[in-house]
Amino acid sequence: MELSDEAIAAEVAAGNRELFRVLVDRHERRVAGMGFSFFHNADAVADFTQDVFLKAFSALPQFEGRARFSTWLYRIAYTSALNQLNRRKEYKSLSENEYQSADCTPEEEHIKSLTRDAVKQAVAELPEKYRVCVDLFFFYERSYNEIEAITGYPVNTIKSHVFRAKKLLREKLKSFVEGGIP
C-alpha cells in the first residue's frame, strides 16, 4: 500500500529523513512547472525547485496536516517565487510554455499550433492576478481552497478572477473560433 503524502511527511518529521525523497519525486515536476511560470530559464528553475524543497524540509515539523501536503508545498513555492521576483513583473503563465503533442498529421499539428498560439496570446493578455488563478485552476488542477492557501486570495476573489478570466478569454478567442484558422 502506498503511503499518502501526509503520512510520509509525518514519518520524515519523526526522523525518517530518507522518505523525503519520495515527496520530492512526487512533486518535483509540478514545483518546477510553477517555477517555469515565474522564471525563464532552466538554471533559475532548478535553483528555485531546490530552494523550495530545502524550505519544505526545514519547515516539515511545522506541517500540521490541516491542508493537503501538496497545497502546503505549493504555498511555499508560490511565496518563494514571489519573494525571488522581488516585486518585478516577470510572471509567465504556464499556458505560455510549449507542449509536445502526440503523433498528428501535419494538418492536425498546424491546427493545434495555431490554437495553442491563440490561447497563449489570449492568456498572456490577461491581468496577472487572473493568469495566476487560471494557471493554478486549469493547468495545476488546484481547487479554489488550495488556490486560496497558495496565493492568499480569498476563495470568492479566486472564483471571481477565474470567472472574469474565462469571460475575457471567451471574448478574445471568439473571433478565432468563429473565423476558424486565420
Foldseek 3Di string as FASTA:
>chain_A
DDDFPVVLLVVVLVPPVVSLVVVCVVCLVVLLLQVVQQDPDDVSSVVLSVVLSVVCSVCSNVDPPPDGPNLVSLLSSLVSSCVVCVPDPRGHASLLDDDDDDDDDPVVVVLVVQVSVLLRVQLVPQPPVLRLLCRCCPVVVDDLVSSCSNPVDDSVVSVVSPVVSVVSSCVSCVCCVVVPGD
